[in-house]
Amino acid sequence: MKIKRTTLILMLTALALIGFVYLYEIRGTQQQTEIQEKQKQVFDFESEQIQTITIKQDSETLTLKRDEEAEEKTWNIIAPLETKADLQTVEFLLYELTNLKSNRSITTSVSQLSEYGLEKPEITVEIQLKDGQTSRLFLGQPDFNGNFIYSQLEPKGEPSEEIFVLLLSVNFKNVLTKPVAEWEKQDTSDELLDTTEESTDKKEQPETSK
């Protein structure tokens, strides 16, 4: 049975409309969502580009540095003491930094930074890349619900009268405020050796006569 020319034209027109809807509605919406998600991204670099991370607080300053000379992936603590860092803990921090997104942003002026605790930030995160570029993120006080932290990414170039205050998850602050001891590599082999030697010494000691 032959398809009438009019019917064929209608079918082709319908297919063309479906294609148009997909390209400009569905696909367009997906692209818009991807753009919006990218705009929420705080940093635009990869974890492998990071050379040094410094976390400054009132109580202390922690500095982590990648060891480029080591054969295996290694990070060291260089302040407030010099020792090897726990790789798993540092890797988690790198993931948090490179996937950090703001819930939303607020436009304000420099004179109002104190309202968000950003005139004298509680925490400053300084990240130096292998190419020498440096980024700084300032963390202020929590919002009224306590779910988010007001923060400010140091602007590039000339300072502007308008400041963008970002709202970050409070969980990110918890990652930064760990005690230094939790960043240190735990040498379990040495501890086990010490325990074994102590146990051996006790066995070798003669029993005192009653």
C-alpha atoms as a PDB file:
ATOM      1  CA  MET A   1       0.000   0.000   0.000  1.00  0.00           C
ATOM      2  CA  LYS A   2       1.425   3.331  -1.049  1.00  0.00           C
ATOM      3  CA  ILE A   3       1.681   6.171   1.457  1.00  0.00           C
ATOM      4  CA  LYS A   4       0.010   9.309   0.269  1.00  0.00           C
ATOM      5  CA  ARG A   5       2.312  12.203  -0.367  1.00  0.00           C
ATOM      6  CA  THR A   6       0.425  14.389   2.100  1.00  0.00           C
ATOM      7  CA  THR A   7       0.771  11.756   4.824  1.00  0.00           C
ATOM      8  CA  LEU A   8       4.501  11.394   4.145  1.00  0.00           C
ATOM      9  CA  ILE A   9       4.986  15.150   4.395  1.00  0.00           C
ATOM     10  CA  LEU A  10       3.114  15.217   7.713  1.00  0.00           C
ATOM     11  CA  MET A  11       5.263  12.370   9.078  1.00  0.00           C
ATOM     12  CA  LEU A  12       8.491  14.108   8.061  1.00  0.00           C
ATOM     13  CA  THR A  13       7.258  17.363   9.561  1.00  0.00           C
ATOM     14  CA  ALA A  14       6.452  15.593  12.833  1.00  0.00           C
ATOM     15  CA  LEU A  15       9.913  14.023  12.956  1.00  0.00           C
ATOM     16  CA  ALA A  16      11.495  17.389  12.301  1.00  0.00           C
ATOM     17  CA  LEU A  17       9.471  18.932  15.137  1.00  0.00           C
ATOM     18  CA  ILE A  18      10.552  16.140  17.497  1.00  0.00           C
ATOM     19  CA  GLY A  19      14.176  16.775  16.572  1.00  0.00           C
ATOM     20  CA  PHE A  20      13.716  20.501  17.117  1.00  0.00           C
ATOM     21  CA  VAL A  21      12.164  19.938  20.550  1.00  0.00           C
ATOM     22  CA  TYR A  22      15.032  17.655  21.584  1.00  0.00           C
ATOM     23  CA  LEU A  23      17.778  19.988  20.397  1.00  0.00           C
ATOM     24  CA  TYR A  24      16.355  23.239  21.676  1.00  0.00           C
ATOM     25  CA  GLU A  25      14.299  22.150  24.665  1.00  0.00           C
ATOM     26  CA  ILE A  26      15.610  18.946  26.207  1.00  0.00           C
ATOM     27  CA  ARG A  27      19.263  19.241  25.171  1.00  0.00           C
ATOM     28  CA  GLY A  28      19.177  22.986  25.749  1.00  0.00           C
ATOM     29  CA  THR A  29      17.910  22.431  29.302  1.00  0.00           C
ATOM     30  CA  GLN A  30      20.664  19.882  29.952  1.00  0.00           C
ATOM     31  CA  GLN A  31      23.326  22.296  28.732  1.00  0.00           C
ATOM     32  CA  GLN A  32      21.868  25.078  30.874  1.00  0.00           C
ATOM     33  CA  THR A  33      21.951  22.805  33.922  1.00  0.00           C
ATOM     34  CA  GLU A  34      25.581  21.905  33.209  1.00  0.00           C
ATOM     35  CA  ILE A  35      26.476  25.594  32.915  1.00  0.00           C
ATOM     36  CA  GLN A  36      24.726  26.395  36.191  1.00  0.00           C
ATOM     37  CA  GLU A  37      26.548  23.569  37.972  1.00  0.00           C
ATOM     38  CA  LYS A  38      29.880  24.764  36.578  1.00  0.00           C
ATOM     39  CA  GLN A  39      29.142  28.281  37.804  1.00  0.00           C
ATOM     40  CA  LYS A  40      28.658  26.897  41.335  1.00  0.00           C
ATOM     41  CA  GLN A  41      32.176  25.404  41.215  1.00  0.00           C
ATOM     42  CA  VAL A  42      34.466  27.402  43.501  1.00  0.00           C
ATOM     43  CA  PHE A  43      37.832  26.366  42.014  1.00  0.00           C
ATOM     44  CA  ASP A  44      38.632  25.588  38.375  1.00  0.00           C
ATOM     45  CA  PHE A  45      41.772  23.469  38.782  1.00  0.00           C
ATOM     46  CA  GLU A  46      42.437  19.737  39.159  1.00  0.00           C
ATOM     47  CA  SER A  47      43.912  18.079  42.245  1.00  0.00           C
ATOM     48  CA  GLU A  48      47.106  17.113  40.381  1.00  0.00           C
ATOM     49  CA  GLN A  49      47.840  20.811  39.810  1.00  0.00           C
ATOM     50  CA  ILE A  50      47.974  21.566  43.545  1.00  0.00           C
ATOM     51  CA  GLN A  51      51.440  21.902  45.068  1.00  0.00           C
ATOM     52  CA  THR A  52      50.827  23.408  48.523  1.00  0.00           C
ATOM     53  CA  ILE A  53      47.786  23.852  50.799  1.00  0.00           C
ATOM     54  CA  THR A  54      47.858  26.157  53.819  1.00  0.00           C
ATOM     55  CA  ILE A  55      45.008  26.288  56.333  1.00  0.00           C
ATOM     56  CA  LYS A  56      45.275  29.333  58.616  1.00  0.00           C
ATOM     57  CA  GLN A  57      43.250  29.545  61.829  1.00  0.00           C
ATOM     58  CA  ASP A  58      43.572  31.606  64.998  1.00  0.00           C
ATOM     59  CA  SER A  59      44.915  28.606  66.899  1.00  0.00           C
ATOM     60  CA  GLU A  60      47.488  27.387  64.353  1.00  0.00           C
ATOM     61  CA  THR A  61      48.553  27.208  60.719  1.00  0.00           C
ATOM     62  CA  LEU A  62      48.785  23.896  58.889  1.00  0.00           C
ATOM     63  CA  THR A  63      50.784  23.654  55.657  1.00  0.00           C
ATOM     64  CA  LEU A  64      50.754  20.576  53.425  1.00  0.00           C
ATOM     65  CA  LYS A  65      53.164  20.184  50.513  1.00  0.00           C
ATOM     66  CA  ARG A  66      53.354  17.620  47.738  1.00  0.00           C
ATOM     67  CA  ASP A  67      56.686  15.770  47.591  1.00  0.00           C
ATOM     68  CA  GLU A  68      57.620  15.806  43.907  1.00  0.00           C
ATOM     69  CA  GLU A  69      60.847  13.872  44.472  1.00  0.00           C
ATOM     70  CA  ALA A  70      59.159  10.844  46.035  1.00  0.00           C
ATOM     71  CA  GLU A  71      58.615   7.810  43.805  1.00  0.00           C
ATOM     72  CA  GLU A  72      55.111   7.269  45.170  1.00  0.00           C
ATOM     73  CA  LYS A  73      52.465   9.912  45.751  1.00  0.00           C
ATOM     74  CA  THR A  74      53.537  11.609  48.978  1.00  0.00           C
ATOM     75  CA  TRP A  75      52.456  14.669  50.939  1.00  0.00           C
ATOM     76  CA  ASN A  76      54.347  16.219  53.842  1.00  0.00           C
ATOM     77  CA  ILE A  77      53.390  18.513  56.688  1.00  0.00           C
ATOM     78  CA  ILE A  78      55.848  21.412  56.797  1.00  0.00           C
ATOM     79  CA  ALA A  79      54.073  23.508  59.468  1.00  0.00           C
ATOM     80  CA  PRO A  80      53.569  23.597  62.417  1.00  0.00           C
ATOM     81  CA  LEU A  81      55.962  20.596  62.368  1.00  0.00           C
ATOM     82  CA  GLU A  82      57.808  18.653  59.710  1.00  0.00           C
ATOM     83  CA  THR A  83      56.580  15.107  59.150  1.00  0.00           C
ATOM     84  CA  LYS A  84      54.836  12.933  56.591  1.00  0.00           C
ATOM     85  CA  ALA A  85      51.126  13.517  56.070  1.00  0.00           C
ATOM     86  CA  ASP A  86      48.470  10.837  55.979  1.00  0.00           C
ATOM     87  CA  LEU A  87      47.826  10.366  52.254  1.00  0.00           C
ATOM     88  CA  GLN A  88      44.208   9.269  52.608  1.00  0.00           C
ATOM     89  CA  THR A  89      43.342  12.339  54.681  1.00  0.00           C
ATOM     90  CA  VAL A  90      45.060  14.673  52.189  1.00  0.00           C
ATOM     91  CA  GLU A  91      43.375  12.948  49.230  1.00  0.00           C
ATOM     92  CA  PHE A  92      39.995  13.574  50.845  1.00  0.00           C
ATOM     93  CA  LEU A  93      40.865  17.258  51.251  1.00  0.00           C
ATOM     94  CA  LEU A  94      41.930  17.452  47.591  1.00  0.00           C
ATOM     95  CA  TYR A  95      38.611  15.917  46.558  1.00  0.00           C
ATOM     96  CA  GLU A  96      36.685  18.398  48.694  1.00  0.00           C
ATOM     97  CA  LEU A  97      38.597  21.356  47.252  1.00  0.00           C
ATOM     98  CA  THR A  98      38.301  20.399  43.588  1.00  0.00           C
ATOM     99  CA  ASN A  99      34.607  19.493  43.938  1.00  0.00           C
ATOM    100  CA  LEU A 100      33.678  22.397  46.207  1.00  0.00           C
ATOM    101  CA  LYS A 101      30.451  24.105  45.144  1.00  0.00           C
ATOM    102  CA  SER A 102      28.556  27.057  46.536  1.00  0.00           C
ATOM    103  CA  ASN A 103      24.894  26.659  47.369  1.00  0.00           C
ATOM    104  CA  ARG A 104      24.285  30.249  46.273  1.00  0.00           C
ATOM    105  CA  SER A 105      25.989  33.621  46.316  1.00  0.00           C
ATOM    106  CA  ILE A 106      25.168  37.032  47.750  1.00  0.00           C
ATOM    107  CA  THR A 107      26.321  40.328  46.268  1.00  0.00           C
ATOM    108  CA  THR A 108      27.404  42.824  48.895  1.00  0.00           C
ATOM    109  CA  SER A 109      29.895  45.638  49.479  1.00  0.00           C
ATOM    110  CA  VAL A 110      33.266  45.677  51.235  1.00  0.00           C
ATOM    111  CA  SER A 111      31.781  47.695  54.107  1.00  0.00           C
ATOM    112  CA  GLN A 112      29.337  44.863  54.879  1.00  0.00           C
ATOM    113  CA  LEU A 113      31.852  42.017  55.053  1.00  0.00           C
ATOM    114  CA  SER A 114      31.821  42.152  58.859  1.00  0.00           C
ATOM    115  CA  GLU A 115      28.159  41.062  58.806  1.00  0.00           C
ATOM    116  CA  TYR A 116      29.288  37.733  57.356  1.00  0.00           C
ATOM    117  CA  GLY A 117      32.381  37.350  59.530  1.00  0.00           C
ATOM    118  CA  LEU A 118      34.633  37.985  56.533  1.00  0.00           C
ATOM    119  CA  GLU A 119      36.295  41.214  57.633  1.00  0.00           C
ATOM    120  CA  LYS A 120      38.492  39.031  59.874  1.00  0.00           C
ATOM    121  CA  PRO A 121      37.943  35.491  58.526  1.00  0.00           C
ATOM    122  CA  GLU A 122      37.990  32.541  60.936  1.00  0.00           C
ATOM    123  CA  ILE A 123      39.795  30.375  58.382  1.00  0.00           C
ATOM    124  CA  THR A 124      41.888  31.159  55.309  1.00  0.00           C
ATOM    125  CA  VAL A 125      42.673  28.422  52.787  1.00  0.00           C
ATOM    126  CA  GLU A 126      45.617  29.233  50.535  1.00  0.00           C
ATOM    127  CA  ILE A 127      46.283  26.972  47.570  1.00  0.00           C
ATOM    128  CA  GLN A 128      49.414  27.230  45.456  1.00  0.00           C
ATOM    129  CA  LEU A 129      49.520  25.455  42.118  1.00  0.00           C
ATOM    130  CA  LYS A 130      52.544  23.967  40.405  1.00  0.00           C
ATOM    131  CA  ASP A 131      52.621  26.883  37.954  1.00  0.00           C
ATOM    132  CA  GLY A 132      52.926  29.368  40.822  1.00  0.00           C
ATOM    133  CA  GLN A 133      49.340  30.645  40.793  1.00  0.00           C
ATOM    134  CA  THR A 134      47.760  31.157  44.208  1.00  0.00           C
ATOM    135  CA  SER A 135      44.093  31.100  45.242  1.00  0.00           C
ATOM    136  CA  ARG A 136      42.736  32.119  48.637  1.00  0.00           C
ATOM    137  CA  LEU A 137      39.376  31.268  50.151  1.00  0.00           C
ATOM    138  CA  PHE A 138      38.168  33.050  53.294  1.00  0.00           C
ATOM    139  CA  LEU A 139      35.625  31.452  55.625  1.00  0.00           C
ATOM    140  CA  GLY A 140      33.514  33.541  57.978  1.00  0.00           C
ATOM    141  CA  GLN A 141      30.593  32.802  60.254  1.00  0.00           C
ATOM    142  CA  PRO A 142      27.738  30.315  59.668  1.00  0.00           C
ATOM    143  CA  ASP A 143      24.343  31.407  58.360  1.00  0.00           C
ATOM    144  CA  PHE A 144      21.331  31.648  60.685  1.00  0.00           C
ATOM    145  CA  ASN A 145      20.446  27.963  60.154  1.00  0.00           C
ATOM    146  CA  GLY A 146      23.986  26.767  60.782  1.00  0.00           C
ATOM    147  CA  ASN A 147      23.958  24.656  57.606  1.00  0.00           C
ATOM    148  CA  PHE A 148      26.217  26.885  55.525  1.00  0.00           C
ATOM    149  CA  ILE A 149      29.336  28.994  55.998  1.00  0.00           C
ATOM    150  CA  TYR A 150      29.734  32.450  54.504  1.00  0.00           C
ATOM    151  CA  SER A 151      32.893  32.573  52.412  1.00  0.00           C
ATOM    152  CA  GLN A 152      34.716  34.757  49.913  1.00  0.00           C
ATOM    153  CA  LEU A 153      37.060  33.787  47.120  1.00  0.00           C
ATOM    154  CA  GLU A 154      39.853  36.322  46.782  1.00  0.00           C
ATOM    155  CA  PRO A 155      39.150  38.228  43.551  1.00  0.00           C
ATOM    156  CA  LYS A 156      41.690  38.313  40.761  1.00  0.00           C
ATOM    157  CA  GLY A 157      42.979  41.638  39.486  1.00  0.00           C
ATOM    158  CA  GLU A 158      41.810  45.026  40.729  1.00  0.00           C
ATOM    159  CA  PRO A 159      39.530  45.014  43.809  1.00  0.00           C
ATOM    160  CA  SER A 160      35.878  45.696  43.076  1.00  0.00           C
ATOM    161  CA  GLU A 161      33.286  47.571  45.120  1.00  0.00           C
ATOM    162  CA  GLU A 162      30.967  44.557  44.810  1.00  0.00           C
ATOM    163  CA  ILE A 163      31.877  41.396  46.722  1.00  0.00           C
ATOM    164  CA  PHE A 164      30.435  37.961  46.079  1.00  0.00           C
ATOM    165  CA  VAL A 165      29.779  36.052  49.288  1.00  0.00           C
ATOM    166  CA  LEU A 166      29.469  32.300  48.739  1.00  0.00           C
ATOM    167  CA  LEU A 167      27.503  29.905  50.910  1.00  0.00           C
ATOM    168  CA  LEU A 168      29.427  26.655  51.413  1.00  0.00           C
ATOM    169  CA  SER A 169      28.381  23.521  53.254  1.00  0.00           C
ATOM    170  CA  VAL A 170      29.351  23.530  56.930  1.00  0.00           C
ATOM    171  CA  ASN A 171      30.842  20.066  56.335  1.00  0.00           C
ATOM    172  CA  PHE A 172      33.680  21.694  54.414  1.00  0.00           C
ATOM    173  CA  LYS A 173      34.675  23.648  57.519  1.00  0.00           C
ATOM    174  CA  ASN A 174      34.733  20.408  59.518  1.00  0.00           C
ATOM    175  CA  VAL A 175      37.269  18.988  57.047  1.00  0.00           C
ATOM    176  CA  LEU A 176      39.569  21.997  57.564  1.00  0.00           C
ATOM    177  CA  THR A 177      39.429  22.139  61.364  1.00  0.00           C
ATOM    178  CA  LYS A 178      40.856  18.696  62.105  1.00  0.00           C
ATOM    179  CA  PRO A 179      43.644  18.600  64.716  1.00  0.00           C
ATOM    180  CA  VAL A 180      47.166  18.399  63.309  1.00  0.00           C
ATOM    181  CA  ALA A 181      47.529  14.879  64.726  1.00  0.00           C
ATOM    182  CA  GLU A 182      44.813  13.657  62.332  1.00  0.00           C
ATOM    183  CA  TRP A 183      46.824  14.932  59.361  1.00  0.00           C
ATOM    184  CA  GLU A 184      49.972  13.063  60.408  1.00  0.00           C
ATOM    185  CA  LYS A 185      50.870   9.696  58.938  1.00  0.00           C
ATOM    186  CA  GLN A 186      50.531   6.997  61.554  1.00  0.00           C
ATOM    187  CA  ASP A 187      53.573   4.713  61.428  1.00  0.00           C
ATOM    188  CA  THR A 188      51.899   1.545  62.682  1.00  0.00           C
ATOM    189  CA  SER A 189      54.939  -0.603  61.831  1.00  0.00           C
ATOM    190  CA  ASP A 190      57.132   1.264  64.337  1.00  0.00           C
ATOM    191  CA  GLU A 191      54.433   1.079  66.991  1.00  0.00           C
ATOM    192  CA  LEU A 192      54.109  -2.661  66.458  1.00  0.00           C
ATOM    193  CA  LEU A 193      57.894  -3.065  66.669  1.00  0.00           C
ATOM    194  CA  ASP A 194      58.042  -1.115  69.929  1.00  0.00           C
ATOM    195  CA  THR A 195      55.238  -3.224  71.390  1.00  0.00           C
ATOM    196  CA  THR A 196      56.991  -6.451  70.349  1.00  0.00           C
ATOM    197  CA  GLU A 197      60.318  -5.338  71.834  1.00  0.00           C
ATOM    198  CA  GLU A 198      58.635  -4.328  75.083  1.00  0.00           C
ATOM    199  CA  SER A 199      56.896  -7.705  75.310  1.00  0.00           C
ATOM    200  CA  THR A 200      60.194  -9.527  74.635  1.00  0.00           C
ATOM    201  CA  ASP A 201      62.015  -7.527  77.306  1.00  0.00           C
ATOM    202  CA  LYS A 202      59.380  -8.441  79.868  1.00  0.00           C
ATOM    203  CA  LYS A 203      59.722 -12.162  79.049  1.00  0.00           C
ATOM    204  CA  GLU A 204      63.536 -12.010  79.379  1.00  0.00           C
ATOM    205  CA  GLN A 205      63.432 -10.393  82.821  1.00  0.00           C
ATOM    206  CA  PRO A 206      64.008 -13.010  85.575  1.00  0.00           C
ATOM    207  CA  GLU A 207      61.279 -13.549  88.097  1.00  0.00           C
ATOM    208  CA  THR A 208      62.075 -12.238  91.574  1.00  0.00           C
ATOM    209  CA  SER A 209      62.010 -14.821  94.306  1.00  0.00           C
ATOM    210  CA  LYS A 210      59.243 -14.545  96.779  1.00  0.00           C
END
